[in-house]
Amino acid sequence: MLDMSGIPIYLLPGYSDLRRGINGFVSVITNIMEMDVTQGGLYIFCGRRRDSIKCVMWDKTGFLLLQKKLVGGYTFAWPNTEEKVKEISGEDLLAMLDGIDIFRRFTPWENVRMRPGKAV
């Protein structure tokens, strides 16, 4: 397993054409995300069906292209916003790879206020 500690992790919201190879994704990182891939980091892209993601990483000697494809009808939770780049933590990445929707933030029950006179 790759050691991801201290590596910034970026994803491109919306959907990407996963038929691209390394050169195509580096072009997206440079031109659309407006980032320099050689400065380090892991860049994540998701396909339209949301059952597959591809990751690109520069390791100082070359590029890595990683892919995870879900089977059995499972899909990744993926943001579809107008942002150019979204940064996530290593813990968020691991949770996302395990199928947890990291983009929906829930309010803990102790912070929920009920209206007076309304039964639950």
PDB file of N, CA and C in Angstrom:
ATOM      1  N   MET A   1       0.847  -1.184   0.000  1.00  0.00           N
ATOM      2  CA  MET A   1       0.000   0.000   0.000  1.00  0.00           C
ATOM      3  C   MET A   1       0.883   1.234   0.000  1.00  0.00           C
ATOM      4  N   LEU A   2       0.482   2.228  -0.737  1.00  0.00           N
ATOM      5  CA  LEU A   2       1.226   3.477  -0.786  1.00  0.00           C
ATOM      6  C   LEU A   2       1.065   4.241   0.515  1.00  0.00           C
ATOM      7  N   ASP A   3       2.142   4.893   0.956  1.00  0.00           N
ATOM      8  CA  ASP A   3       2.071   5.749   2.130  1.00  0.00           C
ATOM      9  C   ASP A   3       1.566   7.112   1.688  1.00  0.00           C
ATOM     10  N   MET A   4       0.363   7.476   2.094  1.00  0.00           N
ATOM     11  CA  MET A   4      -0.260   8.727   1.671  1.00  0.00           C
ATOM     12  C   MET A   4      -0.116   9.829   2.711  1.00  0.00           C
ATOM     13  N   SER A   5       0.627   9.575   3.786  1.00  0.00           N
ATOM     14  CA  SER A   5       0.752  10.593   4.831  1.00  0.00           C
ATOM     15  C   SER A   5       1.512  11.803   4.295  1.00  0.00           C
ATOM     16  N   GLY A   6       0.953  12.956   4.525  1.00  0.00           N
ATOM     17  CA  GLY A   6       1.591  14.194   4.105  1.00  0.00           C
ATOM     18  C   GLY A   6       1.413  14.543   2.637  1.00  0.00           C
ATOM     19  N   ILE A   7       0.687  13.728   1.888  1.00  0.00           N
ATOM     20  CA  ILE A   7       0.467  14.004   0.464  1.00  0.00           C
ATOM     21  C   ILE A   7      -0.894  14.664   0.308  1.00  0.00           C
ATOM     22  N   PRO A   8      -0.936  15.853  -0.308  1.00  0.00           N
ATOM     23  CA  PRO A   8      -2.242  16.481  -0.537  1.00  0.00           C
ATOM     24  C   PRO A   8      -3.044  15.675  -1.557  1.00  0.00           C
ATOM     25  N   ILE A   9      -4.347  15.615  -1.351  1.00  0.00           N
ATOM     26  CA  ILE A   9      -5.225  14.830  -2.222  1.00  0.00           C
ATOM     27  C   ILE A   9      -6.283  15.774  -2.791  1.00  0.00           C
ATOM     28  N   TYR A  10      -6.358  15.811  -4.111  1.00  0.00           N
ATOM     29  CA  TYR A  10      -7.274  16.706  -4.808  1.00  0.00           C
ATOM     30  C   TYR A  10      -8.200  15.885  -5.694  1.00  0.00           C
ATOM     31  N   LEU A  11      -9.428  16.333  -5.819  1.00  0.00           N
ATOM     32  CA  LEU A  11     -10.310  15.690  -6.799  1.00  0.00           C
ATOM     33  C   LEU A  11     -10.979  16.745  -7.647  1.00  0.00           C
ATOM     34  N   LEU A  12     -11.369  16.318  -8.838  1.00  0.00           N
ATOM     35  CA  LEU A  12     -12.062  17.201  -9.767  1.00  0.00           C
ATOM     36  C   LEU A  12     -13.548  16.907  -9.655  1.00  0.00           C
ATOM     37  N   PRO A  13     -14.343  17.837  -9.094  1.00  0.00           N
ATOM     38  CA  PRO A  13     -15.786  17.614  -9.024  1.00  0.00           C
ATOM     39  C   PRO A  13     -16.385  17.463 -10.424  1.00  0.00           C
ATOM     40  N   GLY A  14     -17.504  16.780 -10.498  1.00  0.00           N
ATOM     41  CA  GLY A  14     -18.111  16.499 -11.792  1.00  0.00           C
ATOM     42  C   GLY A  14     -17.533  15.223 -12.357  1.00  0.00           C
ATOM     43  N   TYR A  15     -17.828  14.957 -13.593  1.00  0.00           N
ATOM     44  CA  TYR A  15     -17.439  13.682 -14.173  1.00  0.00           C
ATOM     45  C   TYR A  15     -16.372  13.864 -15.229  1.00  0.00           C
ATOM     46  N   SER A  16     -15.483  12.891 -15.332  1.00  0.00           N
ATOM     47  CA  SER A  16     -14.361  12.934 -16.260  1.00  0.00           C
ATOM     48  C   SER A  16     -14.442  11.766 -17.222  1.00  0.00           C
ATOM     49  N   ASP A  17     -13.822  11.941 -18.374  1.00  0.00           N
ATOM     50  CA  ASP A  17     -13.708  10.866 -19.354  1.00  0.00           C
ATOM     51  C   ASP A  17     -12.562   9.963 -18.922  1.00  0.00           C
ATOM     52  N   LEU A  18     -12.880   8.791 -18.396  1.00  0.00           N
ATOM     53  CA  LEU A  18     -11.851   7.896 -17.869  1.00  0.00           C
ATOM     54  C   LEU A  18     -11.129   7.112 -18.957  1.00  0.00           C
ATOM     55  N   ARG A  19     -11.442   7.376 -20.209  1.00  0.00           N
ATOM     56  CA  ARG A  19     -10.688   6.736 -21.291  1.00  0.00           C
ATOM     57  C   ARG A  19      -9.319   7.385 -21.440  1.00  0.00           C
ATOM     58  N   ARG A  20      -9.137   8.522 -20.790  1.00  0.00           N
ATOM     59  CA  ARG A  20      -7.846   9.217 -20.843  1.00  0.00           C
ATOM     60  C   ARG A  20      -6.750   8.362 -20.214  1.00  0.00           C
ATOM     61  N   GLY A  21      -5.546   8.623 -20.666  1.00  0.00           N
ATOM     62  CA  GLY A  21      -4.359   8.043 -20.052  1.00  0.00           C
ATOM     63  C   GLY A  21      -3.658   9.086 -19.211  1.00  0.00           C
ATOM     64  N   ILE A  22      -2.425   8.811 -18.843  1.00  0.00           N
ATOM     65  CA  ILE A  22      -1.669   9.725 -17.985  1.00  0.00           C
ATOM     66  C   ILE A  22      -1.559  11.110 -18.620  1.00  0.00           C
ATOM     67  N   ASN A  23      -1.176  11.173 -19.890  1.00  0.00           N
ATOM     68  CA  ASN A  23      -1.002  12.479 -20.539  1.00  0.00           C
ATOM     69  C   ASN A  23      -2.301  13.282 -20.554  1.00  0.00           C
ATOM     70  N   GLY A  24      -3.421  12.625 -20.796  1.00  0.00           N
ATOM     71  CA  GLY A  24      -4.710  13.312 -20.796  1.00  0.00           C
ATOM     72  C   GLY A  24      -5.072  13.861 -19.431  1.00  0.00           C
ATOM     73  N   PHE A  25      -4.831  13.071 -18.385  1.00  0.00           N
ATOM     74  CA  PHE A  25      -5.141  13.554 -17.038  1.00  0.00           C
ATOM     75  C   PHE A  25      -4.186  14.657 -16.595  1.00  0.00           C
ATOM     76  N   VAL A  26      -2.913  14.573 -16.976  1.00  0.00           N
ATOM     77  CA  VAL A  26      -1.970  15.644 -16.651  1.00  0.00           C
ATOM     78  C   VAL A  26      -2.417  16.937 -17.323  1.00  0.00           C
ATOM     79  N   SER A  27      -2.929  16.841 -18.535  1.00  0.00           N
ATOM     80  CA  SER A  27      -3.460  18.015 -19.226  1.00  0.00           C
ATOM     81  C   SER A  27      -4.659  18.606 -18.468  1.00  0.00           C
ATOM     82  N   VAL A  28      -5.551  17.766 -17.954  1.00  0.00           N
ATOM     83  CA  VAL A  28      -6.693  18.236 -17.162  1.00  0.00           C
ATOM     84  C   VAL A  28      -6.210  18.916 -15.883  1.00  0.00           C
ATOM     85  N   ILE A  29      -5.239  18.307 -15.219  1.00  0.00           N
ATOM     86  CA  ILE A  29      -4.701  18.878 -13.977  1.00  0.00           C
ATOM     87  C   ILE A  29      -4.100  20.256 -14.245  1.00  0.00           C
ATOM     88  N   THR A  30      -3.367  20.372 -15.333  1.00  0.00           N
ATOM     89  CA  THR A  30      -2.700  21.630 -15.671  1.00  0.00           C
ATOM     90  C   THR A  30      -3.679  22.689 -16.163  1.00  0.00           C
ATOM     91  N   ASN A  31      -4.555  22.324 -17.090  1.00  0.00           N
ATOM     92  CA  ASN A  31      -5.393  23.327 -17.761  1.00  0.00           C
ATOM     93  C   ASN A  31      -6.734  23.586 -17.080  1.00  0.00           C
ATOM     94  N   ILE A  32      -7.372  22.583 -16.534  1.00  0.00           N
ATOM     95  CA  ILE A  32      -8.688  22.766 -15.920  1.00  0.00           C
ATOM     96  C   ILE A  32      -8.574  23.009 -14.416  1.00  0.00           C
ATOM     97  N   MET A  33      -7.793  22.164 -13.750  1.00  0.00           N
ATOM     98  CA  MET A  33      -7.628  22.333 -12.306  1.00  0.00           C
ATOM     99  C   MET A  33      -6.636  23.457 -11.985  1.00  0.00           C
ATOM    100  N   GLU A  34      -5.847  23.870 -12.994  1.00  0.00           N
ATOM    101  CA  GLU A  34      -4.863  24.933 -12.864  1.00  0.00           C
ATOM    102  C   GLU A  34      -3.862  24.657 -11.752  1.00  0.00           C
ATOM    103  N   MET A  35      -3.303  23.443 -11.777  1.00  0.00           N
ATOM    104  CA  MET A  35      -2.329  23.033 -10.773  1.00  0.00           C
ATOM    105  C   MET A  35      -1.110  22.458 -11.477  1.00  0.00           C
ATOM    106  N   ASP A  36       0.005  22.402 -10.749  1.00  0.00           N
ATOM    107  CA  ASP A  36       1.242  21.814 -11.271  1.00  0.00           C
ATOM    108  C   ASP A  36       1.398  20.429 -10.665  1.00  0.00           C
ATOM    109  N   VAL A  37       1.195  19.414 -11.488  1.00  0.00           N
ATOM    110  CA  VAL A  37       1.206  18.034 -10.996  1.00  0.00           C
ATOM    111  C   VAL A  37       2.561  17.637 -10.429  1.00  0.00           C
ATOM    112  N   THR A  38       3.645  18.253 -10.885  1.00  0.00           N
ATOM    113  CA  THR A  38       4.976  17.886 -10.392  1.00  0.00           C
ATOM    114  C   THR A  38       5.269  18.461  -9.007  1.00  0.00           C
ATOM    115  N   GLN A  39       4.369  19.278  -8.464  1.00  0.00           N
ATOM    116  CA  GLN A  39       4.526  19.797  -7.103  1.00  0.00           C
ATOM    117  C   GLN A  39       4.068  18.782  -6.063  1.00  0.00           C
ATOM    118  N   GLY A  40       3.572  17.644  -6.520  1.00  0.00           N
ATOM    119  CA  GLY A  40       3.144  16.591  -5.602  1.00  0.00           C
ATOM    120  C   GLY A  40       1.645  16.566  -5.425  1.00  0.00           C
ATOM    121  N   GLY A  41       1.176  15.475  -4.917  1.00  0.00           N
ATOM    122  CA  GLY A  41      -0.245  15.313  -4.667  1.00  0.00           C
ATOM    123  C   GLY A  41      -0.824  14.147  -5.440  1.00  0.00           C
ATOM    124  N   LEU A  42      -1.999  13.752  -5.019  1.00  0.00           N
ATOM    125  CA  LEU A  42      -2.768  12.699  -5.669  1.00  0.00           C
ATOM    126  C   LEU A  42      -4.007  13.371  -6.245  1.00  0.00           C
ATOM    127  N   TYR A  43      -4.266  13.144  -7.522  1.00  0.00           N
ATOM    128  CA  TYR A  43      -5.375  13.779  -8.225  1.00  0.00           C
ATOM    129  C   TYR A  43      -6.368  12.699  -8.622  1.00  0.00           C
ATOM    130  N   ILE A  44      -7.644  12.878  -8.243  1.00  0.00           N
ATOM    131  CA  ILE A  44      -8.649  11.836  -8.418  1.00  0.00           C
ATOM    132  C   ILE A  44      -9.741  12.309  -9.369  1.00  0.00           C
ATOM    133  N   PHE A  45     -10.165  11.405 -10.253  1.00  0.00           N
ATOM    134  CA  PHE A  45     -11.192  11.679 -11.254  1.00  0.00           C
ATOM    135  C   PHE A  45     -12.224  10.557 -11.217  1.00  0.00           C
ATOM    136  N   CYS A  46     -13.474  10.894 -11.499  1.00  0.00           N
ATOM    137  CA  CYS A  46     -14.551   9.903 -11.457  1.00  0.00           C
ATOM    138  C   CYS A  46     -15.280   9.883 -12.797  1.00  0.00           C
ATOM    139  N   GLY A  47     -15.656   8.687 -13.236  1.00  0.00           N
ATOM    140  CA  GLY A  47     -16.396   8.528 -14.482  1.00  0.00           C
ATOM    141  C   GLY A  47     -17.875   8.841 -14.308  1.00  0.00           C
ATOM    142  N   ARG A  48     -18.571   8.989 -15.422  1.00  0.00           N
ATOM    143  CA  ARG A  48     -19.987   9.364 -15.406  1.00  0.00           C
ATOM    144  C   ARG A  48     -20.847   8.351 -14.660  1.00  0.00           C
ATOM    145  N   ARG A  49     -20.558   7.064 -14.800  1.00  0.00           N
ATOM    146  CA  ARG A  49     -21.379   6.047 -14.117  1.00  0.00           C
ATOM    147  C   ARG A  49     -21.060   5.945 -12.632  1.00  0.00           C
ATOM    148  N   ARG A  50     -20.013   6.634 -12.199  1.00  0.00           N
ATOM    149  CA  ARG A  50     -19.578   6.681 -10.795  1.00  0.00           C
ATOM    150  C   ARG A  50     -19.185   5.321 -10.233  1.00  0.00           C
ATOM    151  N   ASP A  51     -18.907   4.359 -11.080  1.00  0.00           N
ATOM    152  CA  ASP A  51     -18.464   3.061 -10.581  1.00  0.00           C
ATOM    153  C   ASP A  51     -16.953   2.893 -10.692  1.00  0.00           C
ATOM    154  N   SER A  52     -16.272   3.931 -11.159  1.00  0.00           N
ATOM    155  CA  SER A  52     -14.838   3.838 -11.364  1.00  0.00           C
ATOM    156  C   SER A  52     -14.181   5.189 -11.114  1.00  0.00           C
ATOM    157  N   ILE A  53     -13.002   5.158 -10.481  1.00  0.00           N
ATOM    158  CA  ILE A  53     -12.203   6.363 -10.322  1.00  0.00           C
ATOM    159  C   ILE A  53     -10.791   6.070 -10.813  1.00  0.00           C
ATOM    160  N   LYS A  54     -10.112   7.112 -11.271  1.00  0.00           N
ATOM    161  CA  LYS A  54      -8.701   7.015 -11.634  1.00  0.00           C
ATOM    162  C   LYS A  54      -7.948   8.080 -10.862  1.00  0.00           C
ATOM    163  N   CYS A  55      -6.731   7.735 -10.467  1.00  0.00           N
ATOM    164  CA  CYS A  55      -5.884   8.634  -9.692  1.00  0.00           C
ATOM    165  C   CYS A  55      -4.542   8.787 -10.399  1.00  0.00           C
ATOM    166  N   VAL A  56      -4.028  10.004 -10.399  1.00  0.00           N
ATOM    167  CA  VAL A  56      -2.722  10.295 -10.979  1.00  0.00           C
ATOM    168  C   VAL A  56      -1.851  10.886  -9.886  1.00  0.00           C
ATOM    169  N   MET A  57      -0.601  10.431  -9.854  1.00  0.00           N
ATOM    170  CA  MET A  57       0.331  10.933  -8.844  1.00  0.00           C
ATOM    171  C   MET A  57       1.732  11.003  -9.446  1.00  0.00           C
ATOM    172  N   TRP A  58       2.459  12.047  -9.128  1.00  0.00           N
ATOM    173  CA  TRP A  58       3.849  12.207  -9.525  1.00  0.00           C
ATOM    174  C   TRP A  58       4.716  11.774  -8.352  1.00  0.00           C
ATOM    175  N   ASP A  59       5.667  10.857  -8.583  1.00  0.00           N
ATOM    176  CA  ASP A  59       6.502  10.367  -7.472  1.00  0.00           C
ATOM    177  C   ASP A  59       7.972  10.780  -7.614  1.00  0.00           C
ATOM    178  N   LYS A  60       8.239  11.863  -8.313  1.00  0.00           N
ATOM    179  CA  LYS A  60       9.564  12.446  -8.529  1.00  0.00           C
ATOM    180  C   LYS A  60      10.382  11.732  -9.602  1.00  0.00           C
ATOM    181  N   THR A  61       9.933  10.573 -10.071  1.00  0.00           N
ATOM    182  CA  THR A  61      10.629   9.903 -11.166  1.00  0.00           C
ATOM    183  C   THR A  61       9.690   9.601 -12.324  1.00  0.00           C
ATOM    184  N   GLY A  62       8.410   9.747 -12.100  1.00  0.00           N
ATOM    185  CA  GLY A  62       7.426   9.457 -13.138  1.00  0.00           C
ATOM    186  C   GLY A  62       6.024   9.513 -12.557  1.00  0.00           C
ATOM    187  N   PHE A  63       5.062   9.180 -13.405  1.00  0.00           N
ATOM    188  CA  PHE A  63       3.656   9.234 -13.009  1.00  0.00           C
ATOM    189  C   PHE A  63       3.128   7.857 -12.669  1.00  0.00           C
ATOM    190  N   LEU A  64       2.221   7.818 -11.699  1.00  0.00           N
ATOM    191  CA  LEU A  64       1.460   6.611 -11.387  1.00  0.00           C
ATOM    192  C   LEU A  64       0.029   6.856 -11.828  1.00  0.00           C
ATOM    193  N   LEU A  65      -0.591   5.855 -12.419  1.00  0.00           N
ATOM    194  CA  LEU A  65      -2.003   5.916 -12.778  1.00  0.00           C
ATOM    195  C   LEU A  65      -2.670   4.727 -12.105  1.00  0.00           C
ATOM    196  N   LEU A  66      -3.551   5.020 -11.161  1.00  0.00           N
ATOM    197  CA  LEU A  66      -4.243   3.984 -10.400  1.00  0.00           C
ATOM    198  C   LEU A  66      -5.723   4.037 -10.731  1.00  0.00           C
ATOM    199  N   GLN A  67      -6.389   2.881 -10.699  1.00  0.00           N
ATOM    200  CA  GLN A  67      -7.820   2.834 -10.969  1.00  0.00           C
ATOM    201  C   GLN A  67      -8.487   1.892  -9.976  1.00  0.00           C
ATOM    202  N   LYS A  68      -9.683   2.284  -9.535  1.00  0.00           N
ATOM    203  CA  LYS A  68     -10.528   1.384  -8.750  1.00  0.00           C
ATOM    204  C   LYS A  68     -11.888   1.338  -9.416  1.00  0.00           C
ATOM    205  N   LYS A  69     -12.364   0.131  -9.691  1.00  0.00           N
ATOM    206  CA  LYS A  69     -13.670  -0.078 -10.302  1.00  0.00           C
ATOM    207  C   LYS A  69     -14.517  -0.883  -9.331  1.00  0.00           C
ATOM    208  N   LEU A  70     -15.685  -0.355  -8.991  1.00  0.00           N
ATOM    209  CA  LEU A  70     -16.606  -1.055  -8.103  1.00  0.00           C
ATOM    210  C   LEU A  70     -17.445  -2.040  -8.916  1.00  0.00           C
ATOM    211  N   VAL A  71     -17.822  -3.123  -8.294  1.00  0.00           N
ATOM    212  CA  VAL A  71     -18.666  -4.124  -8.955  1.00  0.00           C
ATOM    213  C   VAL A  71     -19.930  -4.327  -8.132  1.00  0.00           C
ATOM    214  N   GLY A  72     -20.885  -5.024  -8.691  1.00  0.00           N
ATOM    215  CA  GLY A  72     -22.111  -5.346  -7.963  1.00  0.00           C
ATOM    216  C   GLY A  72     -23.093  -4.200  -7.869  1.00  0.00           C
ATOM    217  N   GLY A  73     -22.986  -3.214  -8.740  1.00  0.00           N
ATOM    218  CA  GLY A  73     -23.926  -2.096  -8.720  1.00  0.00           C
ATOM    219  C   GLY A  73     -23.571  -0.979  -7.761  1.00  0.00           C
ATOM    220  N   TYR A  74     -22.434  -1.071  -7.085  1.00  0.00           N
ATOM    221  CA  TYR A  74     -22.023  -0.022  -6.155  1.00  0.00           C
ATOM    222  C   TYR A  74     -21.476   1.173  -6.919  1.00  0.00           C
ATOM    223  N   THR A  75     -21.639   2.376  -6.342  1.00  0.00           N
ATOM    224  CA  THR A  75     -21.116   3.596  -6.950  1.00  0.00           C
ATOM    225  C   THR A  75     -20.431   4.453  -5.897  1.00  0.00           C
ATOM    226  N   PHE A  76     -19.540   5.305  -6.370  1.00  0.00           N
ATOM    227  CA  PHE A  76     -18.880   6.265  -5.498  1.00  0.00           C
ATOM    228  C   PHE A  76     -19.780   7.482  -5.308  1.00  0.00           C
ATOM    229  N   ALA A  77     -19.800   8.016  -4.095  1.00  0.00           N
ATOM    230  CA  ALA A  77     -20.416   9.327  -3.868  1.00  0.00           C
ATOM    231  C   ALA A  77     -19.437  10.340  -4.447  1.00  0.00           C
ATOM    232  N   TRP A  78     -19.929  11.261  -5.259  1.00  0.00           N
ATOM    233  CA  TRP A  78     -19.019  12.188  -5.937  1.00  0.00           C
ATOM    234  C   TRP A  78     -19.664  13.561  -6.037  1.00  0.00           C
ATOM    235  N   PRO A  79     -18.918  14.627  -5.698  1.00  0.00           N
ATOM    236  CA  PRO A  79     -19.495  15.966  -5.780  1.00  0.00           C
ATOM    237  C   PRO A  79     -19.662  16.406  -7.233  1.00  0.00           C
ATOM    238  N   ASN A  80     -20.737  17.106  -7.497  1.00  0.00           N
ATOM    239  CA  ASN A  80     -20.981  17.636  -8.833  1.00  0.00           C
ATOM    240  C   ASN A  80     -21.190  19.138  -8.700  1.00  0.00           C
ATOM    241  N   THR A  81     -20.109  19.832  -8.325  1.00  0.00           N
ATOM    242  CA  THR A  81     -20.173  21.271  -8.084  1.00  0.00           C
ATOM    243  C   THR A  81     -19.399  22.016  -9.159  1.00  0.00           C
ATOM    244  N   GLU A  82     -19.419  23.324  -9.077  1.00  0.00           N
ATOM    245  CA  GLU A  82     -18.712  24.165 -10.038  1.00  0.00           C
ATOM    246  C   GLU A  82     -17.256  24.414  -9.638  1.00  0.00           C
ATOM    247  N   GLU A  83     -16.830  23.850  -8.514  1.00  0.00           N
ATOM    248  CA  GLU A  83     -15.455  24.049  -8.070  1.00  0.00           C
ATOM    249  C   GLU A  83     -14.479  23.447  -9.074  1.00  0.00           C
ATOM    250  N   LYS A  84     -13.309  24.066  -9.199  1.00  0.00           N
ATOM    251  CA  LYS A  84     -12.277  23.505 -10.072  1.00  0.00           C
ATOM    252  C   LYS A  84     -11.536  22.378  -9.370  1.00  0.00           C
ATOM    253  N   VAL A  85     -11.363  22.518  -8.074  1.00  0.00           N
ATOM    254  CA  VAL A  85     -10.594  21.547  -7.294  1.00  0.00           C
ATOM    255  C   VAL A  85     -11.222  21.428  -5.914  1.00  0.00           C
ATOM    256  N   LYS A  86     -11.247  20.219  -5.391  1.00  0.00           N
ATOM    257  CA  LYS A  86     -11.688  20.000  -4.016  1.00  0.00           C
ATOM    258  C   LYS A  86     -10.589  19.199  -3.330  1.00  0.00           C
ATOM    259  N   GLU A  87     -10.118  19.685  -2.186  1.00  0.00           N
ATOM    260  CA  GLU A  87      -9.078  18.970  -1.449  1.00  0.00           C
ATOM    261  C   GLU A  87      -9.733  18.135  -0.363  1.00  0.00           C
ATOM    262  N   ILE A  88      -9.279  16.897  -0.230  1.00  0.00           N
ATOM    263  CA  ILE A  88      -9.780  16.005   0.816  1.00  0.00           C
ATOM    264  C   ILE A  88      -8.596  15.458   1.609  1.00  0.00           C
ATOM    265  N   SER A  89      -8.889  14.895   2.759  1.00  0.00           N
ATOM    266  CA  SER A  89      -7.836  14.338   3.612  1.00  0.00           C
ATOM    267  C   SER A  89      -7.603  12.866   3.261  1.00  0.00           C
ATOM    268  N   GLY A  90      -6.524  12.325   3.780  1.00  0.00           N
ATOM    269  CA  GLY A  90      -6.242  10.911   3.589  1.00  0.00           C
ATOM    270  C   GLY A  90      -7.317  10.029   4.203  1.00  0.00           C
ATOM    271  N   GLU A  91      -7.850  10.455   5.355  1.00  0.00           N
ATOM    272  CA  GLU A  91      -8.929   9.706   6.001  1.00  0.00           C
ATOM    273  C   GLU A  91     -10.182   9.720   5.133  1.00  0.00           C
ATOM    274  N   ASP A  92     -10.470  10.883   4.530  1.00  0.00           N
ATOM    275  CA  ASP A  92     -11.620  10.973   3.630  1.00  0.00           C
ATOM    276  C   ASP A  92     -11.447  10.055   2.424  1.00  0.00           C
ATOM    277  N   LEU A  93     -10.229   9.999   1.889  1.00  0.00           N
ATOM    278  CA  LEU A  93      -9.973   9.114   0.741  1.00  0.00           C
ATOM    279  C   LEU A  93     -10.231   7.665   1.113  1.00  0.00           C
ATOM    280  N   LEU A  94      -9.721   7.236   2.255  1.00  0.00           N
ATOM    281  CA  LEU A  94      -9.934   5.847   2.678  1.00  0.00           C
ATOM    282  C   LEU A  94     -11.412   5.564   2.903  1.00  0.00           C
ATOM    283  N   ALA A  95     -12.122   6.505   3.510  1.00  0.00           N
ATOM    284  CA  ALA A  95     -13.561   6.330   3.720  1.00  0.00           C
ATOM    285  C   ALA A  95     -14.289   6.253   2.385  1.00  0.00           C
ATOM    286  N   MET A  96     -13.917   7.118   1.442  1.00  0.00           N
ATOM    287  CA  MET A  96     -14.548   7.114   0.129  1.00  0.00           C
ATOM    288  C   MET A  96     -14.311   5.788  -0.583  1.00  0.00           C
ATOM    289  N   LEU A  97     -13.096   5.266  -0.496  1.00  0.00           N
ATOM    290  CA  LEU A  97     -12.792   3.976  -1.129  1.00  0.00           C
ATOM    291  C   LEU A  97     -13.557   2.828  -0.478  1.00  0.00           C
ATOM    292  N   ASP A  98     -13.963   3.020   0.779  1.00  0.00           N
ATOM    293  CA  ASP A  98     -14.777   2.019   1.481  1.00  0.00           C
ATOM    294  C   ASP A  98     -16.271   2.202   1.246  1.00  0.00           C
ATOM    295  N   GLY A  99     -16.649   3.226   0.445  1.00  0.00           N
ATOM    296  CA  GLY A  99     -18.051   3.406   0.100  1.00  0.00           C
ATOM    297  C   GLY A  99     -18.801   4.400   0.948  1.00  0.00           C
ATOM    298  N   ILE A 100     -18.102   5.148   1.782  1.00  0.00           N
ATOM    299  CA  ILE A 100     -18.763   6.123   2.640  1.00  0.00           C
ATOM    300  C   ILE A 100     -18.877   7.450   1.898  1.00  0.00           C
ATOM    301  N   ASP A 101     -20.040   8.080   1.982  1.00  0.00           N
ATOM    302  CA  ASP A 101     -20.273   9.371   1.334  1.00  0.00           C
ATOM    303  C   ASP A 101     -19.676  10.466   2.206  1.00  0.00           C
ATOM    304  N   ILE A 102     -18.492  10.910   1.857  1.00  0.00           N
ATOM    305  CA  ILE A 102     -17.788  11.916   2.656  1.00  0.00           C
ATOM    306  C   ILE A 102     -18.264  13.333   2.358  1.00  0.00           C
ATOM    307  N   PHE A 103     -19.101  13.500   1.347  1.00  0.00           N
ATOM    308  CA  PHE A 103     -19.520  14.833   0.938  1.00  0.00           C
ATOM    309  C   PHE A 103     -20.808  15.276   1.609  1.00  0.00           C
ATOM    310  N   ARG A 104     -21.516  14.361   2.238  1.00  0.00           N
ATOM    311  CA  ARG A 104     -22.718  14.711   2.999  1.00  0.00           C
ATOM    312  C   ARG A 104     -22.319  14.816   4.450  1.00  0.00           C
ATOM    313  N   ARG A 105     -22.511  15.953   5.001  1.00  0.00           N
ATOM    314  CA  ARG A 105     -22.178  16.169   6.411  1.00  0.00           C
ATOM    315  C   ARG A 105     -23.473  16.156   7.212  1.00  0.00           C
ATOM    316  N   PHE A 106     -23.513  15.326   8.220  1.00  0.00           N
ATOM    317  CA  PHE A 106     -24.708  15.175   9.034  1.00  0.00           C
ATOM    318  C   PHE A 106     -24.560  15.941  10.338  1.00  0.00           C
ATOM    319  N   THR A 107     -25.680  16.449  10.834  1.00  0.00           N
ATOM    320  CA  THR A 107     -25.693  17.139  12.114  1.00  0.00           C
ATOM    321  C   THR A 107     -25.883  16.110  13.225  1.00  0.00           C
ATOM    322  N   PRO A 108     -24.990  16.090  14.208  1.00  0.00           N
ATOM    323  CA  PRO A 108     -25.169  15.160  15.315  1.00  0.00           C
ATOM    324  C   PRO A 108     -26.492  15.420  16.032  1.00  0.00           C
ATOM    325  N   TRP A 109     -27.122  14.360  16.526  1.00  0.00           N
ATOM    326  CA  TRP A 109     -28.430  14.487  17.174  1.00  0.00           C
ATOM    327  C   TRP A 109     -28.410  15.467  18.329  1.00  0.00           C
ATOM    328  N   GLU A 110     -27.320  15.535  19.063  1.00  0.00           N
ATOM    329  CA  GLU A 110     -27.295  16.446  20.213  1.00  0.00           C
ATOM    330  C   GLU A 110     -27.341  17.911  19.772  1.00  0.00           C
ATOM    331  N   ASN A 111     -27.096  18.196  18.492  1.00  0.00           N
ATOM    332  CA  ASN A 111     -27.151  19.572  17.987  1.00  0.00           C
ATOM    333  C   ASN A 111     -28.464  19.890  17.273  1.00  0.00           C
ATOM    334  N   VAL A 112     -29.351  18.924  17.175  1.00  0.00           N
ATOM    335  CA  VAL A 112     -30.625  19.137  16.494  1.00  0.00           C
ATOM    336  C   VAL A 112     -31.606  19.756  17.476  1.00  0.00           C
ATOM    337  N   ARG A 113     -32.265  20.832  17.074  1.00  0.00           N
ATOM    338  CA  ARG A 113     -33.243  21.498  17.929  1.00  0.00           C
ATOM    339  C   ARG A 113     -34.634  21.160  17.408  1.00  0.00           C
ATOM    340  N   MET A 114     -35.479  20.729  18.302  1.00  0.00           N
ATOM    341  CA  MET A 114     -36.844  20.414  17.946  1.00  0.00           C
ATOM    342  C   MET A 114     -37.731  21.627  18.204  1.00  0.00           C
ATOM    343  N   ARG A 115     -38.758  21.797  17.385  1.00  0.00           N
ATOM    344  CA  ARG A 115     -39.707  22.878  17.611  1.00  0.00           C
ATOM    345  C   ARG A 115     -40.613  22.514  18.769  1.00  0.00           C
ATOM    346  N   PRO A 116     -40.931  23.487  19.621  1.00  0.00           N
ATOM    347  CA  PRO A 116     -41.847  23.193  20.728  1.00  0.00           C
ATOM    348  C   PRO A 116     -43.210  22.754  20.208  1.00  0.00           C
ATOM    349  N   GLY A 117     -43.765  21.750  20.850  1.00  0.00           N
ATOM    350  CA  GLY A 117     -45.102  21.275  20.493  1.00  0.00           C
ATOM    351  C   GLY A 117     -45.111  20.277  19.353  1.00  0.00           C
ATOM    352  N   LYS A 118     -43.966  19.938  18.806  1.00  0.00           N
ATOM    353  CA  LYS A 118     -43.911  18.957  17.708  1.00  0.00           C
ATOM    354  C   LYS A 118     -43.425  17.631  18.275  1.00  0.00           C
ATOM    355  N   ALA A 119     -44.161  16.595  18.013  1.00  0.00           N
ATOM    356  CA  ALA A 119     -43.749  15.267  18.459  1.00  0.00           C
ATOM    357  C   ALA A 119     -42.840  14.643  17.416  1.00  0.00           C
ATOM    358  N   VAL A 120     -41.980  13.820  17.883  1.00  0.00           N
ATOM    359  CA  VAL A 120     -41.061  13.114  16.985  1.00  0.00           C
ATOM    360  C   VAL A 120     -41.654  11.801  16.584  1.00  0.00           C
TER     361      VAL A 120
END
